[in-house]
Structure formats: C-alpha cells, structure tokens
Protein backbone atom coordinates (compact mmCIF):
# COMPACT_ATOMS: atom_id res chain seq x y z
CA MET A 1 51.47 87.07 44.26
CA ARG A 2 54.58 85.34 42.54
CA TRP A 3 56.79 87.28 45.48
CA HIS A 4 55.16 85.59 48.14
CA PHE A 5 55.13 82.21 46.24
CA PHE A 6 59.26 82.98 45.53
CA TRP A 7 59.86 83.64 49.36
CA LEU A 8 57.66 80.62 50.53
CA LEU A 9 60.31 78.50 47.90
CA LEU A 10 63.08 79.38 49.76
CA VAL A 11 61.95 79.27 53.31
CA MET A 12 61.15 75.41 52.29
CA ALA A 13 64.53 75.45 50.58
CA PHE A 14 66.30 76.45 53.60
CA GLY A 15 64.20 75.69 56.39
CA VAL A 16 65.13 79.05 58.60
CA LEU A 17 63.89 82.24 59.00
CA PRO A 18 66.43 84.78 60.60
CA ALA A 19 64.50 86.43 63.56
CA LEU A 20 66.66 89.82 62.56
CA ALA A 21 64.57 92.15 64.60
CA GLN A 22 65.68 90.15 67.78
CA ASP A 23 69.65 89.52 66.81
CA THR A 24 72.55 91.77 68.09
CA VAL A 25 75.36 92.30 66.60
CA VAL A 26 77.87 92.39 69.16
CA GLN A 27 81.33 92.37 67.37
CA GLU A 28 82.69 91.93 63.74
CA PHE A 29 85.79 90.84 62.42
CA SER A 30 87.44 90.83 58.92
CA GLY A 31 90.42 89.63 57.36
CA ASN A 32 92.31 87.30 54.81
CA GLY A 33 93.94 84.09 55.36
CA SER A 34 94.41 82.57 58.72
CA THR A 35 93.77 84.58 61.96
CA THR A 36 92.62 84.36 65.59
CA THR A 37 90.68 86.77 67.18
CA GLY A 38 90.34 89.14 70.14
CA LEU A 39 88.54 87.69 73.46
CA VAL A 40 84.65 88.88 73.41
CA LYS A 41 82.48 88.56 75.61
CA ILE A 42 78.99 87.56 74.89
CA GLN A 43 75.34 87.03 76.26
CA ASP A 44 73.70 83.07 76.28
CA ARG A 45 72.71 81.96 73.28
CA TRP A 46 74.71 83.48 70.13
CA GLU A 47 75.65 82.89 66.88
CA VAL A 48 78.92 83.16 65.08
CA ARG A 49 78.02 83.86 61.42
CA TRP A 50 80.48 84.12 58.31
CA ASN A 51 80.63 84.94 54.93
CA SER A 52 83.75 83.95 52.72
CA ARG A 53 83.93 83.64 48.63
CA GLN A 54 86.77 81.00 49.31
CA VAL A 55 86.96 77.47 52.15
CA VAL A 56 87.60 78.48 55.54
CA SER A 57 86.88 77.46 59.04
CA VAL A 58 85.83 78.52 62.06
CA ALA A 59 86.85 77.08 65.79
CA VAL A 60 84.85 78.75 68.76
CA MET A 61 87.23 79.00 71.50
CA SER A 62 86.74 79.22 75.19
CA ALA A 63 89.39 81.69 77.00
CA ASN A 64 91.43 78.98 78.49
CA GLY A 65 91.83 77.85 74.60
CA THR A 66 89.59 75.05 74.47
CA ILE A 67 87.56 74.17 70.88
CA VAL A 68 83.65 74.67 71.87
CA ALA A 69 82.60 74.32 68.22
CA GLY A 70 83.91 74.40 64.73
CA ALA A 71 82.61 74.13 61.21
CA ALA A 72 84.27 74.47 57.81
CA GLY A 73 82.35 75.89 54.30
CA VAL A 74 82.56 78.35 51.51
CA LEU A 75 80.43 81.50 51.02
CA ARG A 76 78.04 81.31 54.09
CA GLY A 77 77.26 79.68 57.57
CA SER A 78 77.28 80.02 61.13
CA LEU A 79 77.26 77.87 64.27
CA PHE A 80 75.24 78.44 67.60
CA VAL A 81 76.31 78.13 70.87
CA PRO A 82 74.03 78.13 73.81
CA MET A 83 76.19 79.51 76.59
CA GLY A 84 77.71 82.79 77.15
CA GLY A 85 81.23 83.63 78.43
CA GLN A 86 84.52 84.84 76.96
CA TYR A 87 85.47 83.15 73.83
CA TYR A 88 87.64 84.03 70.78
CA PHE A 89 87.54 83.34 67.37
CA LYS A 90 89.98 81.11 64.67
CA ILE A 91 89.77 81.23 61.36
CA SER A 92 91.53 78.86 58.73
CA ASP A 93 92.09 79.37 55.50
CA GLY A 94 91.31 76.20 53.75
CA THR A 95 93.19 77.24 50.40
CA VAL A 96 96.28 77.56 51.96
CA GLY A 97 98.79 74.78 53.77
CA THR A 98 97.73 74.52 57.87
CA PRO A 99 100.47 76.49 59.52
CA ALA A 100 101.87 75.84 62.75
CA SER A 101 99.20 76.60 65.42
CA THR A 102 98.67 76.49 69.38
CA ASN A 103 94.62 76.23 70.82
CA ALA A 104 96.56 78.72 73.19
CA ALA A 105 94.24 81.62 74.73
CA PRO A 106 94.83 85.18 72.35
CA ALA A 107 96.36 86.54 75.44
CA ALA A 108 99.36 84.77 75.39
CA ASN A 109 102.29 84.73 72.97
CA THR A 110 101.83 81.97 70.55
CA ASN A 111 103.45 82.59 67.07
CA THR A 112 105.12 79.62 66.10
CA PRO A 113 107.47 80.31 63.02
CA PRO A 114 106.56 77.68 60.35
CA ALA A 115 107.81 74.77 59.23
CA ALA A 116 110.97 74.54 57.14
CA SER A 117 110.21 72.82 53.30
CA ASP A 118 112.00 70.15 52.19
CA SER A 119 110.94 71.29 48.62
CA SER A 120 113.77 72.58 45.88
CA SER A 121 110.51 74.92 44.90
CA PRO A 122 108.19 77.21 46.55
CA PRO A 123 104.81 75.53 46.19
CA THR A 124 102.22 77.48 44.89
CA GLN A 125 99.25 78.75 46.94
CA ASN A 126 95.65 80.47 46.24
CA PRO A 127 95.22 83.85 47.45
CA ALA A 128 94.58 84.03 51.07
CA ALA A 129 90.85 83.45 51.66
CA SER A 130 88.58 86.90 52.36
CA TRP A 131 86.20 86.51 55.08
CA HIS A 132 83.80 88.59 57.38
CA LEU A 133 82.77 87.30 60.47
CA GLN A 134 79.54 88.37 62.72
CA ILE A 135 79.10 87.39 66.61
CA VAL A 136 75.38 87.79 67.25
CA GLU A 137 73.63 87.41 70.36
CA LEU A 138 70.20 86.00 69.40
CA GLY A 139 66.77 86.81 71.04
CA LYS A 140 65.04 85.58 73.63
CA SER A 141 62.53 83.61 71.41
CA VAL A 142 65.49 81.52 69.98
CA ALA A 143 65.29 77.77 71.98
CA SER A 144 68.60 77.16 73.12
CA ASP A 145 69.20 73.63 71.81
CA GLN A 146 67.65 74.80 68.23
CA ALA A 147 70.12 74.18 65.06
CA LEU A 148 70.50 77.25 63.16
CA THR A 149 73.72 76.51 60.71
CA VAL A 150 72.76 77.42 57.55
CA TYR A 151 74.63 77.39 53.81
CA THR A 152 73.40 79.83 51.43
CA PRO A 153 75.01 78.34 47.95
CA TYR A 154 74.17 81.54 45.73
CA PHE A 155 75.38 84.25 48.40
CA ILE A 156 77.51 86.63 47.23
CA VAL A 157 79.86 88.25 49.72
CA PRO A 158 79.67 92.08 48.59
CA ASP A 159 83.31 93.82 48.54
CA SER A 160 82.30 96.15 51.05
CA ALA A 161 81.93 93.49 53.50
CA VAL A 162 85.85 92.00 53.14
CA THR A 163 88.22 94.20 54.38
CA THR A 164 91.58 94.45 55.80
CA VAL A 165 91.88 94.81 59.59
CA ALA A 166 94.89 96.50 61.09
CA PRO A 167 96.71 94.57 64.16
CA PRO A 168 96.05 95.78 67.80
CA PRO A 169 99.22 97.77 68.49
CA GLU A 170 101.49 95.87 70.79
CA LEU A 171 101.20 97.04 74.63
CA SER A 172 104.24 97.51 76.73
CA PRO A 173 105.15 95.88 79.28
CA PRO A 174 103.57 97.26 82.39
CA VAL A 175 106.15 98.08 85.17
CA LEU A 176 105.53 98.68 88.95
CA THR A 177 105.27 101.94 89.85
CA ASN A 178 107.18 103.48 92.87
CA GLU A 179 103.65 103.56 94.99
CA GLN A 180 103.17 99.97 94.42
CA MET A 181 106.42 98.50 95.35
CA GLN A 182 106.49 100.98 98.69
CA ALA A 183 103.07 99.35 99.70
CA MET A 184 104.76 95.92 99.97
CA VAL A 185 105.20 94.62 103.71
CA MET A 186 107.15 91.25 105.73
CA ILE A 187 105.82 89.65 108.21
CA LYS A 188 107.98 87.84 110.61
CA GLY A 189 107.13 85.27 113.37
CA ASP A 190 109.09 82.65 115.55
CA ASN A 191 108.67 79.93 112.79
CA ALA A 192 107.50 81.65 109.40
CA GLN A 193 107.79 84.82 107.18
CA GLY A 194 106.02 85.71 104.86
CA ALA A 195 104.59 88.75 102.80
CA GLY A 196 101.56 90.73 102.44
CA PHE A 197 100.78 94.31 101.41
CA LEU A 198 98.68 97.73 102.66
CA ILE A 199 95.43 98.55 101.84
CA ARG A 200 93.36 101.58 101.91
CA SER A 201 89.64 101.45 101.87
CA PRO A 202 86.50 103.83 103.41
CA ASP A 203 86.86 101.42 106.31
CA GLY A 204 90.40 102.42 107.25
CA THR A 205 93.98 101.34 106.74
CA PHE A 206 95.15 97.78 106.62
CA VAL A 207 97.60 95.16 105.58
CA VAL A 208 96.48 91.85 104.06
CA THR A 209 98.23 88.80 104.02
CA HIS A 210 97.47 84.94 104.54
CA LEU A 211 95.62 83.65 107.68
CA ARG A 212 97.98 80.76 107.95
CA LEU A 213 100.84 82.71 107.87
CA LEU A 214 100.05 83.71 111.46
CA ALA A 215 99.29 80.36 112.72
CA ALA A 216 101.14 78.10 114.90
CA ASN A 217 103.74 81.41 114.59
CA PRO A 218 103.98 83.40 117.91
CA ASN A 219 105.43 86.93 117.98
CA VAL A 220 104.34 87.90 114.49
CA LYS A 221 105.84 91.51 113.81
CA ILE A 222 104.78 93.17 110.25
CA PHE A 223 107.81 95.54 108.53
CA THR A 224 107.29 98.17 105.85
CA ASN A 225 109.44 97.70 102.64
CA SER A 226 112.15 99.56 103.92
CA GLY A 227 112.53 98.06 107.08
CA ALA A 228 109.98 100.16 109.39
CA PRO A 229 107.87 98.67 112.06
CA ILE A 230 104.42 99.02 111.54
CA THR A 231 101.77 99.28 114.66
CA THR A 232 98.81 96.49 114.31
CA LEU A 233 95.58 97.75 116.06
CA SER A 234 93.73 94.38 115.59
CA LEU A 235 92.99 91.68 113.37
CA LYS A 236 90.50 89.81 111.33
CA GLY A 237 89.93 86.77 109.42
CA ALA A 238 87.77 85.68 106.42
CA ALA A 239 84.85 83.45 107.05
CA ASP A 240 85.26 81.95 103.74
CA ARG A 241 89.17 81.56 102.81
CA ASP A 242 92.65 81.99 103.87
CA LEU A 243 92.71 85.66 104.17
CA ALA A 244 93.70 88.11 107.66
CA MET A 245 93.47 91.50 107.55
CA PHE A 246 95.33 93.53 110.02
CA THR A 247 93.92 97.34 111.03
CA ILE A 248 97.42 99.15 111.62
CA LYS A 249 98.15 102.36 112.55
CA ASP A 250 98.42 104.85 109.56
CA ASP A 251 101.93 106.67 109.25
CA HIS A 252 101.36 107.74 105.86
CA TYR A 253 102.50 104.91 104.21
CA SER A 254 101.88 104.14 100.29
CA TYR A 255 98.82 102.04 100.14
CA LEU A 256 96.76 99.96 97.03
CA THR A 257 92.90 100.00 97.07
CA LEU A 258 90.68 98.01 96.47
CA PRO A 259 88.08 97.51 93.05
CA THR A 260 84.81 99.30 93.82
CA ASP A 261 83.07 97.20 91.44
CA ALA A 262 83.81 93.61 92.05
CA ALA A 263 81.89 91.86 89.76
CA ASN A 264 82.83 93.75 86.94
CA SER A 265 86.05 95.06 87.63
CA VAL A 266 88.36 91.96 86.00
CA GLU A 267 87.74 89.86 82.90
CA ALA A 268 89.82 87.26 81.40
CA GLY A 269 92.23 89.14 79.31
CA ASP A 270 92.83 91.58 81.23
CA GLN A 271 96.68 92.40 81.72
CA ILE A 272 97.79 92.51 85.63
CA ILE A 273 101.26 92.79 87.06
CA ILE A 274 102.64 90.93 90.51
CA PRO A 275 105.45 91.93 92.46
CA ASP A 276 108.10 89.33 92.21
CA ILE A 277 108.85 88.87 95.72
CA GLY A 278 111.23 85.69 95.32
CA ASN A 279 113.53 87.77 93.40
CA GLN A 280 113.69 90.48 95.64
CA THR A 281 116.85 92.44 95.57
CA ASP A 282 117.23 96.41 96.32
CA VAL A 283 113.67 96.90 94.73
CA LEU A 284 110.87 94.34 93.66
CA SER A 285 110.88 93.55 89.72
CA GLY A 286 106.97 92.88 88.76
CA LYS A 287 105.81 90.00 86.60
CA PRO A 288 103.58 90.87 83.83
CA GLY A 289 100.61 88.37 82.70
CA ARG A 290 97.02 88.10 81.98
CA VAL A 291 93.95 87.04 83.78
CA ILE A 292 93.22 83.50 82.30
CA GLY A 293 90.14 82.48 84.61
CA MET A 294 87.85 83.58 87.27
CA GLY A 295 85.79 82.34 89.80
CA PRO A 296 83.79 83.11 92.77
CA GLU A 297 86.64 83.02 95.32
CA ARG A 298 90.24 82.97 92.61
CA ILE A 299 91.30 84.34 89.75
CA ASP A 300 93.76 82.12 87.61
CA PHE A 301 96.97 83.88 85.55
CA ASN A 302 99.38 83.05 83.41
CA ILE A 303 102.48 84.53 85.40
CA GLY A 304 104.68 81.24 86.87
CA MET A 305 105.77 82.41 90.57
CA GLY A 306 108.81 81.32 92.28
CA PRO A 307 108.71 80.08 96.20
CA GLY A 308 107.85 82.40 98.49
CA SER A 309 105.14 84.64 96.23
CA SER A 310 102.39 84.31 98.64
CA GLY A 311 101.25 86.91 99.91
CA ALA A 312 101.98 89.22 96.91
CA PRO A 313 99.15 91.59 95.29
CA VAL A 314 97.49 90.54 91.97
CA ILE A 315 97.57 94.48 90.38
CA HIS A 316 94.80 94.63 87.66
CA VAL A 317 96.98 97.02 85.17
CA LYS A 318 93.79 99.38 83.40
CA SER A 319 92.49 100.32 87.10
CA GLY A 320 95.37 99.55 89.43
CA LYS A 321 93.61 98.70 91.83
CA VAL A 322 93.78 94.89 93.88
CA PRO A 323 91.66 92.38 93.02
CA ALA A 324 93.24 89.88 94.66
CA LEU A 325 96.25 88.10 97.00
CA VAL A 326 98.94 85.44 95.32
CA SER A 327 98.24 81.87 96.89
CA ALA A 328 99.58 78.45 96.27
CA GLU A 329 97.62 75.43 95.19
CA LYS A 330 97.83 72.47 97.42
CA GLN A 331 99.84 70.10 96.00
CA VAL A 332 99.53 69.35 92.14
CA ASP A 333 100.39 66.18 90.27
CA VAL A 334 102.02 67.34 86.94
CA SER A 335 100.28 64.71 84.90
CA ASP A 336 97.02 67.34 86.30
CA ASN A 337 95.91 69.64 83.55
CA LEU A 338 95.91 72.08 85.99
CA ALA A 339 99.45 72.31 87.01
CA LYS A 340 100.55 72.24 83.34
CA ALA A 341 99.04 75.45 82.88
CA TRP A 342 101.64 76.69 85.30
CA PRO A 343 105.22 74.95 83.67
CA PRO A 344 107.48 78.02 84.51
CA ASN A 345 106.84 77.15 88.29
CA PRO A 346 108.34 73.61 88.85
CA VAL A 347 109.60 72.82 92.59
CA PRO A 348 113.32 71.78 92.17
CA GLY A 349 113.51 67.98 92.47
CA LEU A 350 110.50 66.94 92.79
CA ALA A 351 107.52 64.99 90.97
CA ARG A 352 104.97 67.72 92.19
CA ILE A 353 104.40 71.63 91.36
CA PHE A 354 103.03 74.37 92.94
CA PRO A 355 101.01 76.56 90.59
CA TYR A 356 99.89 79.69 92.08
CA PHE A 357 96.50 81.50 91.49
CA GLY A 358 94.91 84.81 92.97
CA LEU A 359 92.67 84.78 96.13
CA ARG A 360 89.79 87.24 95.87
CA LEU A 361 89.67 90.21 98.16
CA THR A 362 86.22 90.72 97.71
CA GLY A 363 82.64 88.70 97.43
CA ILE A 364 83.50 87.53 101.07
CA GLN A 365 81.23 85.83 103.45
CA GLY A 366 82.28 87.81 106.24
CA TRP A 367 85.10 89.22 108.55
CA GLU A 368 85.73 87.27 112.43
CA THR A 369 87.10 89.38 114.95
CA TYR A 370 90.29 87.44 116.25
CA ASP A 371 91.83 87.38 119.80
CA GLN A 372 95.53 87.05 118.61
CA PRO A 373 96.15 84.65 121.72
CA ARG A 374 93.75 82.27 120.79
CA PHE A 375 94.36 82.25 117.55
CA LEU A 376 97.54 81.25 118.25
CA SER A 377 96.65 78.78 121.10
CA GLU A 378 94.53 76.72 118.63
CA THR A 379 97.25 76.84 115.85
CA LEU A 380 99.46 75.18 117.98
CA PHE A 381 97.46 72.29 118.70
CA LEU A 382 96.29 71.67 115.72
CA LYS A 383 100.16 71.94 114.50
CA GLN A 384 101.10 69.52 117.16
CA ILE A 385 98.12 67.20 116.03
CA HIS A 386 99.50 67.47 112.30
CA ARG A 387 102.42 66.40 113.61
CA ASP A 388 101.89 63.46 115.72
CA THR A 389 99.37 62.15 112.87
CA ARG A 390 102.38 62.38 110.14
CA CYS A 391 104.75 60.42 112.57
CA LEU A 392 102.33 58.02 112.98
CA ASP A 393 101.64 57.67 109.21
CA SER A 394 105.22 57.51 108.57
CA TYR A 395 106.27 54.79 110.94
CA LEU A 396 102.98 52.51 109.13
CA ASN A 397 103.80 53.90 105.46
CA GLY A 398 106.97 55.41 105.12
CA ARG A 399 105.36 58.12 103.34
CA ARG A 400 106.38 61.52 102.58
CA ARG A 401 103.33 63.74 103.86
CA TRP A 402 103.13 67.74 103.46
CA SER A 403 102.07 70.35 105.79
CA ARG A 404 98.68 72.53 104.77
CA SER A 405 101.02 75.15 102.89
CA GLY A 406 103.25 72.45 101.60
CA SER A 407 106.44 74.18 104.17
CA GLU A 408 107.74 70.76 105.37
CA GLY A 409 108.22 69.41 101.81
CA ASN A 410 111.68 69.18 101.99
CA GLY A 411 112.37 68.20 105.34
CA PRO A 412 113.19 64.23 106.56
CA PRO A 413 112.25 61.12 104.73
CA ASP A 414 109.04 59.91 106.16
CA ASN A 415 110.13 56.55 106.76
CA GLN A 416 112.25 58.48 109.52
CA TYR A 417 109.83 60.96 110.49
CA PHE A 418 108.43 58.68 113.54
CA LEU A 419 111.61 59.00 115.37
CA ASN A 420 110.53 62.65 116.53
CA ASN A 421 107.30 61.30 118.50
CA ILE A 422 109.27 59.85 121.43
CA LYS A 423 105.83 57.11 122.31
CA ILE A 424 106.32 55.56 119.17
CA ARG A 425 109.96 55.23 119.10
CA GLU A 426 109.65 53.77 122.61
CA ALA A 427 106.84 51.36 121.40
CA ASN A 428 108.88 50.16 118.66
CA ASP A 429 112.06 50.00 120.55
CA THR A 430 110.00 47.56 123.28
CA TYR A 431 108.86 45.61 120.45
CA LYS A 432 112.04 44.63 119.37
CA GLN A 433 113.34 44.21 122.76
CA PHE A 434 110.43 41.63 123.27
CA ALA A 435 110.87 40.20 119.96
CA ASN A 436 114.47 39.24 119.28
CA GLY A 437 115.31 36.10 119.67
CA ALA A 438 111.71 35.04 120.72
CA ASP A 439 109.76 32.37 119.53
CA GLU A 440 106.51 32.51 117.14
CA SER A 441 104.05 33.17 120.08
CA GLN A 442 105.72 35.59 121.82
CA ARG A 443 106.40 37.82 118.56
CA HIS A 444 102.26 37.72 118.35
CA SER A 445 102.16 39.22 122.18
CA ALA A 446 105.03 41.81 121.49
CA ALA A 447 103.20 42.66 118.34
CA LYS A 448 99.82 42.84 120.02
CA GLU A 449 101.45 45.03 122.68
CA LEU A 450 102.63 47.71 120.28
CA LEU A 451 99.43 47.60 118.21
CA PHE A 452 98.02 48.55 121.56
CA ASP A 453 100.51 51.46 122.26
CA LEU A 454 99.98 52.61 118.19
CA GLU A 455 96.16 53.20 118.82
CA GLY A 456 96.35 54.99 121.84
CA ILE A 457 98.65 57.29 120.14
CA ALA A 458 96.04 58.04 117.18
CA ASP A 459 93.38 58.26 119.67
CA THR A 460 95.64 60.97 121.75
CA GLY A 461 94.44 64.74 121.27
CA THR A 462 91.19 63.19 118.86
CA SER A 463 88.37 64.02 121.65
CA THR A 464 90.07 67.68 122.30
CA LEU A 465 89.55 67.71 118.30
CA GLN A 466 85.50 67.00 119.03
CA GLU A 467 84.84 69.36 121.31
CA MET A 468 86.03 72.64 119.98
CA GLY A 469 82.71 73.44 118.31
CA ASN A 470 83.80 77.60 118.80
CA LEU A 471 86.93 77.46 116.73
CA TYR A 472 87.61 80.10 114.36
CA SER A 473 86.37 79.57 110.97
CA PHE A 474 89.85 78.92 109.80
CA ASP A 475 90.78 76.62 112.33
CA ARG A 476 87.31 74.33 111.96
CA VAL A 477 88.69 73.54 108.91
CA TRP A 478 92.13 72.79 109.48
CA ALA A 479 90.71 70.51 112.88
CA GLN A 480 88.17 68.54 110.13
CA GLU A 481 91.13 68.12 107.71
CA GLU A 482 93.55 66.52 110.74
CA MET A 483 90.52 64.31 111.81
CA ALA A 484 89.90 62.99 108.41
CA TYR A 485 93.69 62.30 108.30
CA ARG A 486 93.48 60.81 112.31
CA LYS A 487 90.21 58.50 111.34
CA ALA A 488 92.28 57.28 108.00
CA LEU A 489 95.12 56.14 110.23
CA LYS A 490 92.73 54.21 113.12
CA GLN A 491 90.97 52.62 109.98
CA GLU A 492 94.46 51.44 108.80
CA LEU A 493 95.52 50.31 112.87
CA ASP A 494 91.81 48.14 112.97
CA ASP A 495 93.36 46.44 109.65
CA LEU A 496 96.57 45.61 111.16
CA SER A 497 94.72 43.87 114.27
CA ASN A 498 93.36 40.90 111.82
CA ASN A 499 97.52 40.77 110.01
CA LEU A 500 99.95 41.14 112.84
CA VAL A 501 102.49 39.34 110.61
CA ARG A 502 102.52 42.45 107.94
CA LEU A 503 102.77 44.96 111.54
CA GLU A 504 105.95 42.58 112.85
CA ASN A 505 107.52 43.42 109.21
CA ILE A 506 106.74 47.05 109.60
CA ALA A 507 108.58 47.15 113.21
CA ARG A 508 111.45 45.07 112.27
CA SER A 509 111.88 47.81 109.27
CA ARG A 510 112.06 50.43 111.22
C-alpha cells in the first residue's frame, strides 16, 4: 500500500507516465562536451531524451540546417517533435565557452577554428559535460500535440550511460570510374549543344538528356565520349518534366543504370558524384558532394556546378546508380535563400546565379512518343513567338529578358533588342518621320498609328497558340508561358492608349 502511495505522489509531482511499452529507441548518442551528430531518419511523433550531470543544451536540426526545436537543462530532459524526417542534433556544453559554430548539416565540412583569445592567461574551464541522448519513436496512443518534456531533479546518471564515442572514420572522396566516364555523351545540333548519358534498363538501351536541348535545334546528332556517332531509333519525352530519352542501337557502349527502388534509393546525406562537364579536358573529372534535400521530381545537392553542367548524371556513390540528371534552375536572385545554397556558382558579371539540382529519372507520370520533325516544327514556332515578344518588351521597357534555358542572358541589352524585329523597327521609324517637327495634334495622331501597329504585332501568332491543343506536353507548358508573357504586354499597350504622352517618350528614346 505504501509503495502504491509513493508511486501516486511521483505521478502527481511530475504529471507524466511514459508509455515505455509503446516506445521504440531509434538511435543513441553519448559523448562529452559540444558535438554535432550524424543524420537520423525518424517516423512521425518522436522524442529526443537526454541525461547529463551538467548543463547542456540540445537543438534538433533539420537536414538543411534549420533549427526545429531546442532546450537546455541539467540531469534529465526531453523534446517532443511531431513530424518525422531527416534530423541531426547539436549538443552544446553549457559549462564552457560557446565555440564558433554553424547550423550547416553534418554532411558538410563546417569545422571552424575557435576565435583567438586576447587574454594573457588561459581561462579556467570546468570539465566537459558528459551526456547521453536517446531518439525515441512514440506509440500511436501519444497525441501529436501532447507535451512530453519532463525534468527529474533527483535523477542520477549511471556511469554506464556516459561513454566516449569514437568519431566516424573519414571516407575517401569518391572518384569516377572509367565506365562512368565513358557513359557520357555529347549532343550537337545547329543551334545548341549539350550533354547526356547512356542508360541500360530492362526495357533497352537509351540516351537521356533534356528535352529543351532538342527544342528548336535542327539536325541533332549524338556522339560518345570518344567522338563516335550513336545511332538513334526513336525519341520519347516525359509527360511531367524536362526529360528526353532516345532509344539507341547498342554497340557495346558503357552504360549507367537506374535505381530499382526509387522511393528508398537515395536519402539526404548520401554521397554523390557528378561529372564536371564544364571543366572537361582530356578526361572528365568528378565533383563529389552530398544530397541535402529530396522531392518528388528533384534532388538537391551541395555541389556548385559550372555553366554547361546540365545533362550530367547525378551518381549515387553507395549504389553506383543514377537517380537524377543535372538541371539548371530558372534564374534565381542572389538574395533568395535558395540561391545562397549554391555560393560557388555565380554567373560572372550578373546579379543572378544559376543553381543546379537533380531532375529525378524515376516517378515519371508517363512517356510520350515524339515525332521529331513535328517536335522541331512546334518548338521553332514557339521560339519565334518568344523572340517577337521579347522584342516588343524591349521596345516598351528596355528590359533584359531570358530564354527558358537562360542561354540568351549574355546577348545585347534589351533596349536595343527590338531592332531584331523589322515590323517594330519600321513602326518606330514611321512615327519619328511624321512626329519630327509636327505640332501636338499631329504627334498624337502619329502616336495612335504607332500604338495600332504595336497592337497588331502583339496579336500576331496568339490565335495559333490558342489553337495548338494537340501540342506535346513540353510544348504545351512553353506555349502557356508565352501566352502569359504576351498577355501582360497587351495589357501594357491597353494602358498606353490612355497615356499617349508616355508612348511618345518611349518612341523618341528608341
């Protein structure tokens, strides 16, 4: 009876009864002083529990370095996190000075030398705190919003719970094998060239690359890493992303392979290596790195790639398989958080950078069989629509516009780009001819005629765009982007109809 009464007092004092029978210990860490652990994969509804005889703080970090939760205390404590995922833990020793640190994920080398002390004598420090961590998945009976943090003032840490953990051995940097280098291909056409790679699957042998590399690019030919031509048999495009797959004639090439288990083949923190196409000399070198994020259609990594890297394979070091193809982001402002993840990859002389990511080769909604002449015709039309729209934008605003792939970014300034459109050039010359030396009424009449000509240019091709309902998926997305671009400029012309003075100022400046 006395024992039951004592147990009831404990429950009343601390307000919690742990459901130990339903808890699962996922991983444990022990150590001394300040430490950053490795990544741990955890299911929903979990706790990190710690024991320490001295003051420590424990921070739960997501795989991208974001702080999820944190607390500090002595003896015993815990933190509850409702969402599962990839996490690591930063343990800070409260008994010593705080060292220089960073929230970067443990996959990156973030060691920073301690700041030099300006004291004439070394400071006196207490012994490093010893601690022990448990990562525990909780039973389903535990509510996701239930607060489980507890502190037990009279808990004594057993000596067996605090042990020194040897740091994991440093892995040697991965290198590309000769077979992996030989699997790279070069794709050349009249208007663009780029990279791809050879893949073997149960369905046959293929070359994988970007659809945008083939768009509006006549006479595309594919060559091996040694320069030998590759015979293509058919072409397919992914219905939901920028991927092309050529079926080829097998001539005993070196091939890469796809993951067999797409869902679990790659995890955040895994080592990868990417052929550095931009720095190719006699042979390809490889850039090693780690996966820092995952999505249904993409894999993010911590490698800064150079221009021309699109189309290279992302090679998973552990399995040797290729889960993704390197792809360039659309332009990203350097002030954006996403851009800061790729500091080694600025485009020289520009205020924007091109971060790269991996476009996943699995989980595709479907493949469309492409008729290459039809695809070429559609994309040549869409490219011309884009050029005409960019010329009109150049005339009205003088802005620098970018192509879908970013390849036009280093072209002439856009305040002169409109000269590539003869109709805009002639309309502007006609205005100047009739407005030069004319009175206000005649200038307004010339401006109205100029506006009419510009509106006709803005309408050119839009009806064809709207009727192209049978476009390939890649072209359909492109057409929608061009329609939105053209629609915005037509609205701007409508606004100018009520502000002819501004239109006259634009015409005189051009």
